Amino acid sequence: MKLELKKIGNSTGLILPKELLARLGLQQGDSVTVSEGPERSLTVSPYEADDDETMNLARDVMREYRNTLKVLAK
């Protein structure tokens, strides 16, 4: 599905058609999480209350094991 980015005030937005929102189980005013993927891809998912806690835990682990993760990334 091809969508166009639109100017909305001083920002840029993506308007999702109502058919797509219905298939995704979303409605106007819902919060979503947007994640960057490989090769300039995006994933849009319904926001879950525990997403923030999960990300904080992941950041703590990455901070604690920073050196190990650098070695593994080589």
PDB file of N, CA and C in Angstrom:
ATOM      1  N   MET A   1       0.850  -1.168   0.000  1.00  0.00           N
ATOM      2  CA  MET A   1       0.000   0.000   0.000  1.00  0.00           C
ATOM      3  C   MET A   1       0.897   1.232   0.000  1.00  0.00           C
ATOM      4  N   LYS A   2       0.711   2.091  -0.950  1.00  0.00           N
ATOM      5  CA  LYS A   2       1.498   3.318  -1.046  1.00  0.00           C
ATOM      6  C   LYS A   2       0.756   4.437  -0.323  1.00  0.00           C
ATOM      7  N   LEU A   3       1.452   5.079   0.634  1.00  0.00           N
ATOM      8  CA  LEU A   3       0.891   6.209   1.373  1.00  0.00           C
ATOM      9  C   LEU A   3       1.818   7.397   1.211  1.00  0.00           C
ATOM     10  N   GLU A   4       1.291   8.581   1.385  1.00  0.00           N
ATOM     11  CA  GLU A   4       2.071   9.805   1.208  1.00  0.00           C
ATOM     12  C   GLU A   4       2.237  10.517   2.554  1.00  0.00           C
ATOM     13  N   LEU A   5       3.444  10.988   2.813  1.00  0.00           N
ATOM     14  CA  LEU A   5       3.689  11.809   3.996  1.00  0.00           C
ATOM     15  C   LEU A   5       3.090  13.187   3.750  1.00  0.00           C
ATOM     16  N   LYS A   6       2.401  13.726   4.742  1.00  0.00           N
ATOM     17  CA  LYS A   6       1.712  15.013   4.597  1.00  0.00           C
ATOM     18  C   LYS A   6       2.178  15.988   5.674  1.00  0.00           C
ATOM     19  N   LYS A   7       2.179  17.270   5.313  1.00  0.00           N
ATOM     20  CA  LYS A   7       2.487  18.312   6.284  1.00  0.00           C
ATOM     21  C   LYS A   7       1.277  18.489   7.184  1.00  0.00           C
ATOM     22  N   ILE A   8       1.529  18.435   8.500  1.00  0.00           N
ATOM     23  CA  ILE A   8       0.476  18.626   9.491  1.00  0.00           C
ATOM     24  C   ILE A   8       1.014  19.647  10.482  1.00  0.00           C
ATOM     25  N   GLY A   9       0.595  20.894  10.326  1.00  0.00           N
ATOM     26  CA  GLY A   9       1.150  21.966  11.156  1.00  0.00           C
ATOM     27  C   GLY A   9       2.632  22.114  10.854  1.00  0.00           C
ATOM     28  N   ASN A  10       3.465  22.065  11.900  1.00  0.00           N
ATOM     29  CA  ASN A  10       4.912  22.158  11.728  1.00  0.00           C
ATOM     30  C   ASN A  10       5.560  20.780  11.636  1.00  0.00           C
ATOM     31  N   SER A  11       4.750  19.737  11.540  1.00  0.00           N
ATOM     32  CA  SER A  11       5.261  18.365  11.515  1.00  0.00           C
ATOM     33  C   SER A  11       4.910  17.694  10.194  1.00  0.00           C
ATOM     34  N   THR A  12       5.342  16.464  10.077  1.00  0.00           N
ATOM     35  CA  THR A  12       4.997  15.638   8.928  1.00  0.00           C
ATOM     36  C   THR A  12       4.320  14.390   9.457  1.00  0.00           C
ATOM     37  N   GLY A  13       3.212  14.005   8.849  1.00  0.00           N
ATOM     38  CA  GLY A  13       2.461  12.856   9.331  1.00  0.00           C
ATOM     39  C   GLY A  13       2.133  11.885   8.222  1.00  0.00           C
ATOM     40  N   LEU A  14       1.743  10.721   8.628  1.00  0.00           N
ATOM     41  CA  LEU A  14       1.319   9.662   7.722  1.00  0.00           C
ATOM     42  C   LEU A  14      -0.138   9.363   8.036  1.00  0.00           C
ATOM     43  N   ILE A  15      -1.000   9.550   7.080  1.00  0.00           N
ATOM     44  CA  ILE A  15      -2.429   9.311   7.271  1.00  0.00           C
ATOM     45  C   ILE A  15      -2.718   7.858   6.904  1.00  0.00           C
ATOM     46  N   LEU A  16      -3.263   7.111   7.861  1.00  0.00           N
ATOM     47  CA  LEU A  16      -3.585   5.705   7.630  1.00  0.00           C
ATOM     48  C   LEU A  16      -5.062   5.594   7.255  1.00  0.00           C
ATOM     49  N   PRO A  17      -5.363   4.930   6.150  1.00  0.00           N
ATOM     50  CA  PRO A  17      -6.762   4.778   5.739  1.00  0.00           C
ATOM     51  C   PRO A  17      -7.561   3.988   6.777  1.00  0.00           C
ATOM     52  N   LYS A  18      -8.854   4.288   6.883  1.00  0.00           N
ATOM     53  CA  LYS A  18      -9.677   3.636   7.897  1.00  0.00           C
ATOM     54  C   LYS A  18      -9.728   2.127   7.710  1.00  0.00           C
ATOM     55  N   GLU A  19      -9.634   1.639   6.469  1.00  0.00           N
ATOM     56  CA  GLU A  19      -9.634   0.196   6.229  1.00  0.00           C
ATOM     57  C   GLU A  19      -8.408  -0.465   6.869  1.00  0.00           C
ATOM     58  N   LEU A  20      -7.251   0.196   6.766  1.00  0.00           N
ATOM     59  CA  LEU A  20      -6.026  -0.329   7.367  1.00  0.00           C
ATOM     60  C   LEU A  20      -6.130  -0.294   8.890  1.00  0.00           C
ATOM     61  N   LEU A  21      -6.638   0.813   9.426  1.00  0.00           N
ATOM     62  CA  LEU A  21      -6.812   0.915  10.879  1.00  0.00           C
ATOM     63  C   LEU A  21      -7.723  -0.200  11.387  1.00  0.00           C
ATOM     64  N   ALA A  22      -8.783  -0.484  10.660  1.00  0.00           N
ATOM     65  CA  ALA A  22      -9.711  -1.541  11.067  1.00  0.00           C
ATOM     66  C   ALA A  22      -9.005  -2.899  11.066  1.00  0.00           C
ATOM     67  N   ARG A  23      -8.221  -3.180  10.032  1.00  0.00           N
ATOM     68  CA  ARG A  23      -7.511  -4.465   9.969  1.00  0.00           C
ATOM     69  C   ARG A  23      -6.499  -4.595  11.097  1.00  0.00           C
ATOM     70  N   LEU A  24      -5.896  -3.469  11.505  1.00  0.00           N
ATOM     71  CA  LEU A  24      -4.897  -3.487  12.573  1.00  0.00           C
ATOM     72  C   LEU A  24      -5.527  -3.395  13.961  1.00  0.00           C
ATOM     73  N   GLY A  25      -6.826  -3.176  14.012  1.00  0.00           N
ATOM     74  CA  GLY A  25      -7.499  -3.043  15.305  1.00  0.00           C
ATOM     75  C   GLY A  25      -7.157  -1.744  16.004  1.00  0.00           C
ATOM     76  N   LEU A  26      -6.886  -0.705  15.229  1.00  0.00           N
ATOM     77  CA  LEU A  26      -6.535   0.600  15.780  1.00  0.00           C
ATOM     78  C   LEU A  26      -7.632   1.605  15.464  1.00  0.00           C
ATOM     79  N   GLN A  27      -7.669   2.657  16.269  1.00  0.00           N
ATOM     80  CA  GLN A  27      -8.590   3.749  15.991  1.00  0.00           C
ATOM     81  C   GLN A  27      -7.921   5.065  16.336  1.00  0.00           C
ATOM     82  N   GLN A  28      -8.509   6.141  15.862  1.00  0.00           N
ATOM     83  CA  GLN A  28      -7.952   7.468  16.098  1.00  0.00           C
ATOM     84  C   GLN A  28      -7.766   7.676  17.600  1.00  0.00           C
ATOM     85  N   GLY A  29      -6.600   8.181  17.984  1.00  0.00           N
ATOM     86  CA  GLY A  29      -6.287   8.440  19.385  1.00  0.00           C
ATOM     87  C   GLY A  29      -5.491   7.334  20.050  1.00  0.00           C
ATOM     88  N   ASP A  30      -5.426   6.145  19.419  1.00  0.00           N
ATOM     89  CA  ASP A  30      -4.620   5.053  19.980  1.00  0.00           C
ATOM     90  C   ASP A  30      -3.139   5.415  19.902  1.00  0.00           C
ATOM     91  N   SER A  31      -2.357   4.886  20.811  1.00  0.00           N
ATOM     92  CA  SER A  31      -0.908   5.063  20.775  1.00  0.00           C
ATOM     93  C   SER A  31      -0.281   3.857  20.087  1.00  0.00           C
ATOM     94  N   VAL A  32       0.780   4.116  19.340  1.00  0.00           N
ATOM     95  CA  VAL A  32       1.505   3.045  18.656  1.00  0.00           C
ATOM     96  C   VAL A  32       2.991   3.182  18.956  1.00  0.00           C
ATOM     97  N   THR A  33       3.713   2.102  18.752  1.00  0.00           N
ATOM     98  CA  THR A  33       5.162   2.087  18.851  1.00  0.00           C
ATOM     99  C   THR A  33       5.700   1.919  17.443  1.00  0.00           C
ATOM    100  N   VAL A  34       6.677   2.746  17.071  1.00  0.00           N
ATOM    101  CA  VAL A  34       7.312   2.650  15.760  1.00  0.00           C
ATOM    102  C   VAL A  34       8.754   2.226  15.974  1.00  0.00           C
ATOM    103  N   SER A  35       9.164   1.162  15.283  1.00  0.00           N
ATOM    104  CA  SER A  35      10.520   0.639  15.394  1.00  0.00           C
ATOM    105  C   SER A  35      11.179   0.662  14.028  1.00  0.00           C
ATOM    106  N   GLU A  36      12.464   1.017  14.026  1.00  0.00           N
ATOM    107  CA  GLU A  36      13.238   0.976  12.783  1.00  0.00           C
ATOM    108  C   GLU A  36      13.760  -0.427  12.579  1.00  0.00           C
ATOM    109  N   GLY A  37      13.670  -0.901  11.352  1.00  0.00           N
ATOM    110  CA  GLY A  37      14.167  -2.225  11.018  1.00  0.00           C
ATOM    111  C   GLY A  37      15.280  -2.129   9.995  1.00  0.00           C
ATOM    112  N   PRO A  38      15.720  -3.270   9.504  1.00  0.00           N
ATOM    113  CA  PRO A  38      16.786  -3.272   8.508  1.00  0.00           C
ATOM    114  C   PRO A  38      16.314  -2.664   7.189  1.00  0.00           C
ATOM    115  N   GLU A  39      17.252  -2.154   6.438  1.00  0.00           N
ATOM    116  CA  GLU A  39      16.993  -1.622   5.103  1.00  0.00           C
ATOM    117  C   GLU A  39      15.891  -0.561   5.080  1.00  0.00           C
ATOM    118  N   ARG A  40      15.953   0.379   6.037  1.00  0.00           N
ATOM    119  CA  ARG A  40      15.050   1.532   6.086  1.00  0.00           C
ATOM    120  C   ARG A  40      13.581   1.143   6.247  1.00  0.00           C
ATOM    121  N   SER A  41      13.305   0.033   6.913  1.00  0.00           N
ATOM    122  CA  SER A  41      11.918  -0.384   7.126  1.00  0.00           C
ATOM    123  C   SER A  41      11.424   0.103   8.482  1.00  0.00           C
ATOM    124  N   LEU A  42      10.116   0.211   8.610  1.00  0.00           N
ATOM    125  CA  LEU A  42       9.474   0.608   9.859  1.00  0.00           C
ATOM    126  C   LEU A  42       8.435  -0.435  10.234  1.00  0.00           C
ATOM    127  N   THR A  43       8.289  -0.649  11.529  1.00  0.00           N
ATOM    128  CA  THR A  43       7.236  -1.509  12.046  1.00  0.00           C
ATOM    129  C   THR A  43       6.375  -0.667  12.971  1.00  0.00           C
ATOM    130  N   VAL A  44       5.080  -0.681  12.740  1.00  0.00           N
ATOM    131  CA  VAL A  44       4.128   0.050  13.586  1.00  0.00           C
ATOM    132  C   VAL A  44       3.308  -0.985  14.339  1.00  0.00           C
ATOM    133  N   SER A  45       3.339  -0.896  15.668  1.00  0.00           N
ATOM    134  CA  SER A  45       2.624  -1.856  16.513  1.00  0.00           C
ATOM    135  C   SER A  45       1.789  -1.099  17.543  1.00  0.00           C
ATOM    136  N   PRO A  46       0.678  -1.695  17.963  1.00  0.00           N
ATOM    137  CA  PRO A  46      -0.079  -1.064  19.046  1.00  0.00           C
ATOM    138  C   PRO A  46       0.812  -0.922  20.279  1.00  0.00           C
ATOM    139  N   TYR A  47       0.716   0.201  20.947  1.00  0.00           N
ATOM    140  CA  TYR A  47       1.506   0.452  22.151  1.00  0.00           C
ATOM    141  C   TYR A  47       0.990  -0.419  23.287  1.00  0.00           C
ATOM    142  N   GLU A  48       1.905  -1.059  23.962  1.00  0.00           N
ATOM    143  CA  GLU A  48       1.577  -1.864  25.141  1.00  0.00           C
ATOM    144  C   GLU A  48       2.180  -1.173  26.361  1.00  0.00           C
ATOM    145  N   ALA A  49       1.468  -1.132  27.451  1.00  0.00           N
ATOM    146  CA  ALA A  49       1.922  -0.415  28.650  1.00  0.00           C
ATOM    147  C   ALA A  49       3.278  -0.915  29.137  1.00  0.00           C
ATOM    148  N   ASP A  50       3.578  -2.196  28.926  1.00  0.00           N
ATOM    149  CA  ASP A  50       4.857  -2.714  29.418  1.00  0.00           C
ATOM    150  C   ASP A  50       6.009  -2.478  28.443  1.00  0.00           C
ATOM    151  N   ASP A  51       5.756  -1.832  27.288  1.00  0.00           N
ATOM    152  CA  ASP A  51       6.827  -1.540  26.329  1.00  0.00           C
ATOM    153  C   ASP A  51       7.926  -0.687  26.954  1.00  0.00           C
ATOM    154  N   ASP A  52       7.554   0.333  27.722  1.00  0.00           N
ATOM    155  CA  ASP A  52       8.546   1.216  28.336  1.00  0.00           C
ATOM    156  C   ASP A  52       9.411   0.447  29.332  1.00  0.00           C
ATOM    157  N   GLU A  53       8.785  -0.395  30.134  1.00  0.00           N
ATOM    158  CA  GLU A  53       9.538  -1.179  31.116  1.00  0.00           C
ATOM    159  C   GLU A  53      10.493  -2.147  30.407  1.00  0.00           C
ATOM    160  N   THR A  54      10.013  -2.772  29.348  1.00  0.00           N
ATOM    161  CA  THR A  54      10.860  -3.699  28.591  1.00  0.00           C
ATOM    162  C   THR A  54      12.061  -2.976  28.002  1.00  0.00           C
ATOM    163  N   MET A  55      11.847  -1.798  27.426  1.00  0.00           N
ATOM    164  CA  MET A  55      12.958  -1.037  26.838  1.00  0.00           C
ATOM    165  C   MET A  55      13.947  -0.595  27.916  1.00  0.00           C
ATOM    166  N   ASN A  56      13.465  -0.201  29.071  1.00  0.00           N
ATOM    167  CA  ASN A  56      14.367   0.189  30.161  1.00  0.00           C
ATOM    168  C   ASN A  56      15.219  -0.991  30.617  1.00  0.00           C
ATOM    169  N   LEU A  57      14.617  -2.176  30.716  1.00  0.00           N
ATOM    170  CA  LEU A  57      15.380  -3.375  31.074  1.00  0.00           C
ATOM    171  C   LEU A  57      16.435  -3.679  30.016  1.00  0.00           C
ATOM    172  N   ALA A  58      16.059  -3.571  28.739  1.00  0.00           N
ATOM    173  CA  ALA A  58      17.010  -3.835  27.661  1.00  0.00           C
ATOM    174  C   ALA A  58      18.173  -2.841  27.702  1.00  0.00           C
ATOM    175  N   ARG A  59      17.879  -1.564  27.955  1.00  0.00           N
ATOM    176  CA  ARG A  59      18.947  -0.562  28.052  1.00  0.00           C
ATOM    177  C   ARG A  59      19.891  -0.867  29.219  1.00  0.00           C
ATOM    178  N   ASP A  60      19.329  -1.290  30.349  1.00  0.00           N
ATOM    179  CA  ASP A  60      20.165  -1.654  31.502  1.00  0.00           C
ATOM    180  C   ASP A  60      21.103  -2.810  31.161  1.00  0.00           C
ATOM    181  N   VAL A  61      20.568  -3.834  30.490  1.00  0.00           N
ATOM    182  CA  VAL A  61      21.390  -4.992  30.116  1.00  0.00           C
ATOM    183  C   VAL A  61      22.472  -4.558  29.131  1.00  0.00           C
ATOM    184  N   MET A  62      22.107  -3.750  28.135  1.00  0.00           N
ATOM    185  CA  MET A  62      23.101  -3.303  27.143  1.00  0.00           C
ATOM    186  C   MET A  62      24.184  -2.446  27.790  1.00  0.00           C
ATOM    187  N   ARG A  63      23.791  -1.624  28.759  1.00  0.00           N
ATOM    188  CA  ARG A  63      24.767  -0.791  29.459  1.00  0.00           C
ATOM    189  C   ARG A  63      25.721  -1.668  30.274  1.00  0.00           C
ATOM    190  N   GLU A  64      25.175  -2.642  30.983  1.00  0.00           N
ATOM    191  CA  GLU A  64      25.984  -3.508  31.832  1.00  0.00           C
ATOM    192  C   GLU A  64      26.939  -4.383  31.014  1.00  0.00           C
ATOM    193  N   TYR A  65      26.486  -4.852  29.862  1.00  0.00           N
ATOM    194  CA  TYR A  65      27.286  -5.770  29.047  1.00  0.00           C
ATOM    195  C   TYR A  65      27.812  -5.095  27.773  1.00  0.00           C
ATOM    196  N   ARG A  66      28.027  -3.787  27.839  1.00  0.00           N
ATOM    197  CA  ARG A  66      28.471  -3.003  26.690  1.00  0.00           C
ATOM    198  C   ARG A  66      29.721  -3.591  26.038  1.00  0.00           C
ATOM    199  N   ASN A  67      30.739  -3.891  26.845  1.00  0.00           N
ATOM    200  CA  ASN A  67      32.000  -4.401  26.288  1.00  0.00           C
ATOM    201  C   ASN A  67      31.804  -5.771  25.643  1.00  0.00           C
ATOM    202  N   THR A  68      31.060  -6.630  26.285  1.00  0.00           N
ATOM    203  CA  THR A  68      30.793  -7.953  25.735  1.00  0.00           C
ATOM    204  C   THR A  68      30.050  -7.842  24.405  1.00  0.00           C
ATOM    205  N   LEU A  69      29.056  -6.969  24.355  1.00  0.00           N
ATOM    206  CA  LEU A  69      28.286  -6.798  23.122  1.00  0.00           C
ATOM    207  C   LEU A  69      29.150  -6.225  21.986  1.00  0.00           C
ATOM    208  N   LYS A  70      30.102  -5.339  22.325  1.00  0.00           N
ATOM    209  CA  LYS A  70      31.005  -4.808  21.297  1.00  0.00           C
ATOM    210  C   LYS A  70      31.854  -5.925  20.707  1.00  0.00           C
ATOM    211  N   VAL A  71      32.366  -6.804  21.556  1.00  0.00           N
ATOM    212  CA  VAL A  71      33.194  -7.921  21.086  1.00  0.00           C
ATOM    213  C   VAL A  71      32.361  -8.853  20.201  1.00  0.00           C
ATOM    214  N   LEU A  72      31.144  -9.151  20.626  1.00  0.00           N
ATOM    215  CA  LEU A  72      30.284 -10.052  19.859  1.00  0.00           C
ATOM    216  C   LEU A  72      29.873  -9.457  18.520  1.00  0.00           C
ATOM    217  N   ALA A  73      29.817  -8.136  18.438  1.00  0.00           N
ATOM    218  CA  ALA A  73      29.392  -7.472  17.199  1.00  0.00           C
ATOM    219  C   ALA A  73      30.461  -7.509  16.116  1.00  0.00           C
ATOM    220  N   LYS A  74      31.688  -7.827  16.480  1.00  0.00           N
ATOM    221  CA  LYS A  74      32.780  -7.842  15.477  1.00  0.00           C
ATOM    222  C   LYS A  74      32.763  -9.065  14.634  1.00  0.00           C
TER     223      LYS A  74
END
